[in-house]
Amino acid sequence: MGPSASHLVDGERAPDRREVGAVHPARATTQLRERHAATRNAPWYVVPADNKWFTRVVVAAAIIDALAALDLHYPRIGKAQLQELAAAKRVLLASK
């Protein structure tokens, strides 16, 4: 004998008072994984997916911030290396 119609909410069993406010085990697992998997060198970002343009803005901003934090710059080339590159260029152009 199944539950009466008064115990069903949208076709499913209504939670009792012990379950109200409790975190579903799958949600708890996800939260734990996110908390322990995200590190300083490999952060996780929660990105809203219900608005495509906003999602793209959030992702682009995260990428821009990550690239800016890398402090990238062109390598410095000394005089000897410049001469070596010029010689290599001449050899390559002469072989055409």
Protein backbone atom coordinates (compact mmCIF):
# COMPACT_ATOMS: atom_id res chain seq x y z
CA MET A 1 0.00 0.00 0.00
CA GLY A 2 1.58 3.29 -1.18
CA PRO A 3 1.44 6.69 0.43
CA SER A 4 -1.82 8.57 0.24
CA ALA A 5 -2.19 11.50 -2.13
CA SER A 6 -1.84 13.91 0.81
CA HIS A 7 1.76 12.73 1.30
CA LEU A 8 2.81 13.34 -2.30
CA VAL A 9 4.30 16.56 -3.64
CA ASP A 10 4.59 16.70 -7.43
CA GLY A 11 4.21 12.94 -7.55
CA GLU A 12 6.97 12.31 -5.01
CA ARG A 13 6.97 11.73 -1.28
CA ALA A 14 7.10 14.95 0.71
CA PRO A 15 10.11 15.24 3.05
CA ASP A 16 9.40 14.81 6.73
CA ARG A 17 10.56 17.40 9.26
CA ARG A 18 13.89 15.60 9.84
CA GLU A 19 14.77 15.93 6.15
CA VAL A 20 13.80 19.58 5.71
CA GLY A 21 16.97 21.67 5.53
CA ALA A 22 19.20 18.59 5.31
CA VAL A 23 21.78 18.52 2.53
CA HIS A 24 21.26 15.78 -0.04
CA PRO A 25 24.19 13.30 0.00
CA ALA A 26 25.04 14.01 -3.65
CA ARG A 27 25.12 17.76 -2.96
CA ALA A 28 27.30 17.23 0.11
CA THR A 29 29.71 15.11 -1.95
CA THR A 30 29.91 17.77 -4.64
CA GLN A 31 30.56 20.51 -2.09
CA LEU A 32 33.27 18.42 -0.42
CA ARG A 33 34.95 17.66 -3.75
CA GLU A 34 34.91 21.32 -4.74
CA ARG A 35 36.29 22.41 -1.39
CA HIS A 36 39.17 19.92 -1.44
CA ALA A 37 39.90 19.73 -5.17
CA ALA A 38 40.33 23.45 -5.76
CA THR A 39 43.86 24.55 -4.99
CA ARG A 40 45.77 27.76 -5.38
CA ASN A 41 47.41 26.46 -8.56
CA ALA A 42 44.22 24.83 -9.89
CA PRO A 43 41.22 26.82 -8.71
CA TRP A 44 37.64 25.88 -9.48
CA TYR A 45 35.11 28.46 -10.52
CA VAL A 46 31.35 28.24 -10.11
CA VAL A 47 29.91 29.70 -13.30
CA PRO A 48 26.21 30.38 -13.78
CA ALA A 49 24.92 28.58 -16.86
CA ASP A 50 21.44 30.06 -17.16
CA ASN A 51 22.56 33.13 -19.14
CA LYS A 52 24.95 32.40 -22.02
CA TRP A 53 26.44 35.88 -22.45
CA PHE A 54 26.99 36.31 -18.71
CA THR A 55 28.60 32.86 -18.48
CA ARG A 56 31.02 33.86 -21.22
CA VAL A 57 31.85 37.13 -19.45
CA VAL A 58 32.59 35.28 -16.19
CA VAL A 59 34.80 32.71 -17.95
CA ALA A 60 36.64 35.41 -19.94
CA ALA A 61 37.26 37.41 -16.76
CA ALA A 62 38.66 34.32 -15.00
CA ILE A 63 41.00 33.64 -17.93
CA ILE A 64 42.15 37.27 -18.08
CA ASP A 65 42.84 37.29 -14.32
CA ALA A 66 44.76 34.01 -14.53
CA LEU A 67 46.90 35.25 -17.44
CA ALA A 68 47.59 38.58 -15.73
CA ALA A 69 48.74 36.75 -12.59
CA LEU A 70 51.36 34.87 -14.63
CA ASP A 71 53.34 38.11 -15.15
CA LEU A 72 54.44 37.05 -18.64
CA HIS A 73 56.97 39.06 -20.61
CA TYR A 74 59.09 38.65 -23.71
CA PRO A 75 62.52 37.14 -23.08
CA ARG A 76 65.49 39.47 -23.13
CA ILE A 77 67.96 38.71 -25.89
CA GLY A 78 71.57 39.68 -25.64
CA LYS A 79 73.76 41.03 -28.43
CA ALA A 80 75.36 37.63 -29.11
CA GLN A 81 71.98 35.94 -29.44
CA LEU A 82 70.77 38.65 -31.83
CA GLN A 83 73.82 38.09 -34.03
CA GLU A 84 73.22 34.33 -33.95
CA LEU A 85 69.58 34.81 -34.97
CA ALA A 86 70.57 37.17 -37.80
CA ALA A 87 73.06 34.59 -39.10
CA ALA A 88 70.42 31.83 -38.95
CA LYS A 89 67.98 34.11 -40.83
CA ARG A 90 70.54 34.73 -43.57
CA VAL A 91 71.14 30.99 -43.98
CA LEU A 92 67.41 30.28 -44.20
CA LEU A 93 66.77 33.05 -46.71
CA ALA A 94 69.76 31.97 -48.86
CA SER A 95 68.42 28.41 -49.10
CA LYS A 96 65.17 29.50 -50.83
